[in-house]
Amino acid sequence: EKVLIPTTKPYISFIGDESGETVISWNSTASEKGSYGQPIGTIHSASVAIESDYFCASGITFE
């Protein structure tokens, strides 16, 4: 699943064992069609979207 951290959830941390070993990925592209048949674009193809304040990530790779 895609990961969304909304504005209502501050102070979230993702802590992995090691960058390159702990990976969050999703198989979307900007040209993928959305529910109305239009390309979803870059902003909607993200694997992880962070909207909250005070997010921290360590030892993790985002693809």
C-alpha atoms as a PDB file:
ATOM      1  CA  GLU A   1       0.000   0.000   0.000  1.00  0.00           C
ATOM      2  CA  LYS A   2       0.983   3.598  -0.429  1.00  0.00           C
ATOM      3  CA  VAL A   3       1.890   5.379   2.796  1.00  0.00           C
ATOM      4  CA  LEU A   4       0.344   8.738   3.731  1.00  0.00           C
ATOM      5  CA  ILE A   5       1.225  10.580   6.929  1.00  0.00           C
ATOM      6  CA  PRO A   6      -1.497  13.273   7.229  1.00  0.00           C
ATOM      7  CA  THR A   7      -1.129  16.687   8.862  1.00  0.00           C
ATOM      8  CA  THR A   8      -3.047  15.394  11.882  1.00  0.00           C
ATOM      9  CA  LYS A   9      -0.240  12.930  12.772  1.00  0.00           C
ATOM     10  CA  PRO A  10       2.898  14.884  13.779  1.00  0.00           C
ATOM     11  CA  TYR A  11       5.998  13.326  15.360  1.00  0.00           C
ATOM     12  CA  ILE A  12       6.103  10.157  13.223  1.00  0.00           C
ATOM     13  CA  SER A  13       9.411   8.320  12.733  1.00  0.00           C
ATOM     14  CA  PHE A  14      10.359   5.543  10.309  1.00  0.00           C
ATOM     15  CA  ILE A  15      13.409   3.676  11.566  1.00  0.00           C
ATOM     16  CA  GLY A  16      14.969   0.964   9.426  1.00  0.00           C
ATOM     17  CA  ASP A  17      17.857  -1.394  10.026  1.00  0.00           C
ATOM     18  CA  GLU A  18      19.984   0.016   7.238  1.00  0.00           C
ATOM     19  CA  SER A  19      19.498   2.139   4.128  1.00  0.00           C
ATOM     20  CA  GLY A  20      19.247  -0.164   1.112  1.00  0.00           C
ATOM     21  CA  GLU A  21      18.067  -3.048   3.305  1.00  0.00           C
ATOM     22  CA  THR A  22      14.856  -1.456   4.569  1.00  0.00           C
ATOM     23  CA  VAL A  23      12.909  -0.270   1.527  1.00  0.00           C
ATOM     24  CA  ILE A  24       9.437   1.202   1.029  1.00  0.00           C
ATOM     25  CA  SER A  25       8.370   1.069  -2.607  1.00  0.00           C
ATOM     26  CA  TRP A  26       5.301   1.179  -4.807  1.00  0.00           C
ATOM     27  CA  ASN A  27       4.862   0.476  -8.489  1.00  0.00           C
ATOM     28  CA  SER A  28       3.123   3.658  -9.685  1.00  0.00           C
ATOM     29  CA  THR A  29       4.181   5.955 -12.496  1.00  0.00           C
ATOM     30  CA  ALA A  30       3.069   9.466 -13.418  1.00  0.00           C
ATOM     31  CA  SER A  31       1.507   8.128 -16.634  1.00  0.00           C
ATOM     32  CA  GLU A  32      -0.695   5.597 -14.785  1.00  0.00           C
ATOM     33  CA  LYS A  33      -4.392   6.290 -15.362  1.00  0.00           C
ATOM     34  CA  GLY A  34      -6.518   7.513 -12.459  1.00  0.00           C
ATOM     35  CA  SER A  35     -10.195   6.823 -11.784  1.00  0.00           C
ATOM     36  CA  TYR A  36     -11.284   9.311 -14.504  1.00  0.00           C
ATOM     37  CA  GLY A  37      -8.864   7.989 -17.129  1.00  0.00           C
ATOM     38  CA  GLN A  38      -6.394  10.866 -16.797  1.00  0.00           C
ATOM     39  CA  PRO A  39      -2.708  10.340 -15.925  1.00  0.00           C
ATOM     40  CA  ILE A  40      -2.250  10.546 -12.145  1.00  0.00           C
ATOM     41  CA  GLY A  41       0.854  12.722 -12.457  1.00  0.00           C
ATOM     42  CA  THR A  42       3.993  12.791 -10.365  1.00  0.00           C
ATOM     43  CA  ILE A  43       2.387  14.005  -7.135  1.00  0.00           C
ATOM     44  CA  HIS A  44      -0.054  11.086  -6.998  1.00  0.00           C
ATOM     45  CA  SER A  45       2.475   8.398  -7.916  1.00  0.00           C
ATOM     46  CA  ALA A  46       4.512   8.765  -4.714  1.00  0.00           C
ATOM     47  CA  SER A  47       5.221   5.692  -2.591  1.00  0.00           C
ATOM     48  CA  VAL A  48       5.195   7.801   0.571  1.00  0.00           C
ATOM     49  CA  ALA A  49       3.601  11.213   1.156  1.00  0.00           C
ATOM     50  CA  ILE A  50       4.478  13.144   4.302  1.00  0.00           C
ATOM     51  CA  GLU A  51       2.129  16.034   5.100  1.00  0.00           C
ATOM     52  CA  SER A  52       2.765  16.240   8.841  1.00  0.00           C
ATOM     53  CA  ASP A  53       5.299  18.227  10.848  1.00  0.00           C
ATOM     54  CA  TYR A  54       8.280  16.711  12.641  1.00  0.00           C
ATOM     55  CA  PHE A  55       8.670  13.609  10.464  1.00  0.00           C
ATOM     56  CA  CYS A  56      11.963  11.744  10.778  1.00  0.00           C
ATOM     57  CA  ALA A  57      13.363   8.798   8.808  1.00  0.00           C
ATOM     58  CA  SER A  58      16.599   6.940   9.451  1.00  0.00           C
ATOM     59  CA  GLY A  59      18.173   3.859   7.876  1.00  0.00           C
ATOM     60  CA  ILE A  60      15.472   3.530   5.225  1.00  0.00           C
ATOM     61  CA  THR A  61      15.213   3.832   1.439  1.00  0.00           C
ATOM     62  CA  PHE A  62      12.148   5.263  -0.321  1.00  0.00           C
ATOM     63  CA  GLU A  63      11.558   4.160  -3.934  1.00  0.00           C
END
